[in-house]
C-alpha atoms as a PDB file:
ATOM      1  CA  UNK A   1     -35.819 112.948 138.314  1.00  0.00           C
ATOM      2  CA  UNK A   2     -35.585 112.780 142.096  1.00  0.00           C
ATOM      3  CA  UNK A   3     -33.973 115.457 144.150  1.00  0.00           C
ATOM      4  CA  UNK A   4     -30.534 114.709 145.678  1.00  0.00           C
ATOM      5  CA  UNK A   5     -31.813 115.852 149.078  1.00  0.00           C
ATOM      6  CA  UNK A   6     -34.605 113.242 148.902  1.00  0.00           C
ATOM      7  CA  UNK A   7     -32.125 110.503 147.976  1.00  0.00           C
ATOM      8  CA  UNK A   8     -29.840 111.536 150.805  1.00  0.00           C
ATOM      9  CA  UNK A   9     -32.706 111.584 153.313  1.00  0.00           C
ATOM     10  CA  UNK A  10     -33.888 108.113 152.225  1.00  0.00           C
ATOM     11  CA  UNK A  11     -30.350 106.765 152.473  1.00  0.00           C
ATOM     12  CA  UNK A  12     -29.873 108.171 155.964  1.00  0.00           C
ATOM     13  CA  UNK A  13     -33.245 106.816 157.085  1.00  0.00           C
ATOM     14  CA  UNK A  14     -32.271 103.348 155.815  1.00  0.00           C
ATOM     15  CA  UNK A  15     -28.918 103.518 157.578  1.00  0.00           C
ATOM     16  CA  UNK A  16     -30.592 104.591 160.819  1.00  0.00           C
ATOM     17  CA  UNK A  17     -33.048 101.694 160.567  1.00  0.00           C
ATOM     18  CA  UNK A  18     -30.154  99.247 160.139  1.00  0.00           C
ATOM     19  CA  UNK A  19     -28.361 100.695 163.156  1.00  0.00           C
ATOM     20  CA  UNK A  20     -31.461 100.243 165.294  1.00  0.00           C
ATOM     21  CA  UNK A  21     -32.022  96.712 163.994  1.00  0.00           C
ATOM     22  CA  UNK A  22     -28.426  95.530 164.481  1.00  0.00           C
ATOM     23  CA  UNK A  23     -28.111  97.350 167.785  1.00  0.00           C
ATOM     24  CA  UNK A  24     -30.869  95.160 169.222  1.00  0.00           C
ATOM     25  CA  UNK A  25     -29.151  91.874 168.349  1.00  0.00           C
ATOM     26  CA  UNK A  26     -27.473  90.183 171.285  1.00  0.00           C
ATOM     27  CA  UNK A  27     -24.084  88.698 170.374  1.00  0.00           C
ATOM     28  CA  UNK A  28     -23.331  85.075 171.210  1.00  0.00           C
ATOM     29  CA  UNK A  29     -21.358  84.631 174.385  1.00  0.00           C
ATOM     30  CA  UNK A  30     -19.822  81.923 176.497  1.00  0.00           C
ATOM     31  CA  UNK A  31     -22.863  82.213 178.783  1.00  0.00           C
ATOM     32  CA  UNK A  32     -24.959  80.556 176.054  1.00  0.00           C
ATOM     33  CA  UNK A  33     -22.710  77.489 175.740  1.00  0.00           C
ATOM     34  CA  UNK A  34     -23.749  74.553 177.940  1.00  0.00           C
ATOM     35  CA  UNK A  35     -21.081  73.049 180.215  1.00  0.00           C
ATOM     36  CA  UNK A  36     -19.670  69.608 179.496  1.00  0.00           C
ATOM     37  CA  UNK A  37     -19.991  67.904 176.129  1.00  0.00           C
ATOM     38  CA  UNK A  38     -22.909  68.143 173.746  1.00  0.00           C
ATOM     39  CA  UNK A  39     -23.491  65.640 170.945  1.00  0.00           C
ATOM     40  CA  UNK A  40     -25.704  65.844 167.830  1.00  0.00           C
ATOM     41  CA  UNK A  41     -26.977  63.010 165.628  1.00  0.00           C
ATOM     42  CA  UNK A  42     -26.253  65.026 162.466  1.00  0.00           C
ATOM     43  CA  UNK A  43     -23.805  67.768 161.549  1.00  0.00           C
ATOM     44  CA  UNK A  44     -25.121  70.037 164.360  1.00  0.00           C
ATOM     45  CA  UNK A  45     -28.676  68.989 163.505  1.00  0.00           C
ATOM     46  CA  UNK A  46     -31.116  66.355 164.698  1.00  0.00           C
ATOM     47  CA  UNK A  47     -31.178  64.793 168.143  1.00  0.00           C
ATOM     48  CA  UNK A  48     -28.974  66.321 170.829  1.00  0.00           C
ATOM     49  CA  UNK A  49     -27.746  65.232 174.244  1.00  0.00           C
ATOM     50  CA  UNK A  50     -25.556  67.016 176.798  1.00  0.00           C
ATOM     51  CA  UNK A  51     -23.379  65.521 179.533  1.00  0.00           C
ATOM     52  CA  UNK A  52     -22.579  68.377 181.933  1.00  0.00           C
ATOM     53  CA  UNK A  53     -20.057  66.305 183.901  1.00  0.00           C
ATOM     54  CA  UNK A  54     -18.735  63.567 181.569  1.00  0.00           C
ATOM     55  CA  UNK A  55     -17.265  60.459 183.173  1.00  0.00           C
ATOM     56  CA  UNK A  56     -13.950  58.656 182.717  1.00  0.00           C
ATOM     57  CA  UNK A  57     -15.928  55.413 182.528  1.00  0.00           C
ATOM     58  CA  UNK A  58     -17.546  54.371 179.252  1.00  0.00           C
ATOM     59  CA  UNK A  59     -20.871  56.051 178.427  1.00  0.00           C
ATOM     60  CA  UNK A  60     -23.090  54.575 175.718  1.00  0.00           C
ATOM     61  CA  UNK A  61     -24.733  57.276 173.633  1.00  0.00           C
ATOM     62  CA  UNK A  62     -28.530  57.165 173.154  1.00  0.00           C
ATOM     63  CA  UNK A  63     -28.139  57.526 169.359  1.00  0.00           C
ATOM     64  CA  UNK A  64     -25.369  57.518 166.754  1.00  0.00           C
ATOM     65  CA  UNK A  65     -23.440  60.802 166.974  1.00  0.00           C
ATOM     66  CA  UNK A  66     -21.893  62.874 164.157  1.00  0.00           C
ATOM     67  CA  UNK A  67     -20.994  66.208 165.842  1.00  0.00           C
ATOM     68  CA  UNK A  68     -19.812  67.502 169.202  1.00  0.00           C
ATOM     69  CA  UNK A  69     -19.106  70.591 171.265  1.00  0.00           C
ATOM     70  CA  UNK A  70     -16.546  69.816 173.977  1.00  0.00           C
ATOM     71  CA  UNK A  71     -16.907  72.638 176.489  1.00  0.00           C
ATOM     72  CA  UNK A  72     -14.539  71.028 179.007  1.00  0.00           C
ATOM     73  CA  UNK A  73     -10.827  71.157 179.755  1.00  0.00           C
ATOM     74  CA  UNK A  74     -10.555  67.393 179.124  1.00  0.00           C
ATOM     75  CA  UNK A  75      -9.801  65.168 176.130  1.00  0.00           C
ATOM     76  CA  UNK A  76     -12.680  62.912 175.150  1.00  0.00           C
ATOM     77  CA  UNK A  77     -12.619  59.852 172.937  1.00  0.00           C
ATOM     78  CA  UNK A  78     -15.651  58.737 170.916  1.00  0.00           C
ATOM     79  CA  UNK A  79     -15.911  55.151 169.678  1.00  0.00           C
ATOM     80  CA  UNK A  80     -17.826  53.335 166.940  1.00  0.00           C
ATOM     81  CA  UNK A  81     -18.846  50.630 169.417  1.00  0.00           C
ATOM     82  CA  UNK A  82     -21.173  50.886 172.425  1.00  0.00           C
ATOM     83  CA  UNK A  83     -18.471  49.676 174.862  1.00  0.00           C
ATOM     84  CA  UNK A  84     -15.606  52.131 174.188  1.00  0.00           C
ATOM     85  CA  UNK A  85     -13.506  49.654 172.229  1.00  0.00           C
ATOM     86  CA  UNK A  86     -12.200  49.713 168.691  1.00  0.00           C
ATOM     87  CA  UNK A  87     -11.612  52.761 166.476  1.00  0.00           C
ATOM     88  CA  UNK A  88     -11.874  56.110 168.257  1.00  0.00           C
ATOM     89  CA  UNK A  89     -11.626  59.827 167.587  1.00  0.00           C
ATOM     90  CA  UNK A  90      -9.918  62.011 170.176  1.00  0.00           C
ATOM     91  CA  UNK A  91     -11.675  65.303 170.812  1.00  0.00           C
ATOM     92  CA  UNK A  92      -9.517  68.046 172.351  1.00  0.00           C
ATOM     93  CA  UNK A  93     -10.713  70.450 175.051  1.00  0.00           C
ATOM     94  CA  UNK A  94     -12.919  73.367 173.911  1.00  0.00           C
ATOM     95  CA  UNK A  95     -13.488  71.789 170.493  1.00  0.00           C
ATOM     96  CA  UNK A  96     -16.432  71.980 168.120  1.00  0.00           C
ATOM     97  CA  UNK A  97     -16.347  69.456 165.315  1.00  0.00           C
ATOM     98  CA  UNK A  98     -18.500  67.328 163.047  1.00  0.00           C
ATOM     99  CA  UNK A  99     -17.524  63.905 161.782  1.00  0.00           C
ATOM    100  CA  UNK A 100     -20.239  62.715 159.415  1.00  0.00           C
ATOM    101  CA  UNK A 101     -18.202  59.748 158.159  1.00  0.00           C
ATOM    102  CA  UNK A 102     -17.618  58.407 161.710  1.00  0.00           C
ATOM    103  CA  UNK A 103     -20.506  56.769 163.618  1.00  0.00           C
ATOM    104  CA  UNK A 104     -19.855  57.417 167.312  1.00  0.00           C
ATOM    105  CA  UNK A 105     -21.812  55.217 169.721  1.00  0.00           C
ATOM    106  CA  UNK A 106     -19.944  55.670 173.041  1.00  0.00           C
ATOM    107  CA  UNK A 107     -17.421  57.993 174.702  1.00  0.00           C
ATOM    108  CA  UNK A 108     -15.250  58.575 177.757  1.00  0.00           C
ATOM    109  CA  UNK A 109     -12.991  61.264 179.207  1.00  0.00           C
ATOM    110  CA  UNK A 110      -9.352  60.296 178.677  1.00  0.00           C
ATOM    111  CA  UNK A 111      -7.366  63.141 180.151  1.00  0.00           C
END
């Protein structure tokens, strides 16, 4: 049978190791988020593209999009067509969202 002092020492050593390990992890911050709007081809996976200063005119996306991070103060609409017509989703400012059942092919800033 092990000694209680040995168990206590091993437990404290493990706790100290965890403190050192977690103390070295840098938390996520707003500095790590790119400006503008970022799109992904999958649900935050696959191809990615960022538009740092999105336009109010129609922008055709280089691939079909299924997720976004809107790091702007503007509303953005994404469309199933390449010419910003037809069905659209409205993305609010500072939003992160995936929409795997909606194939976005173009977008524009709406407000």
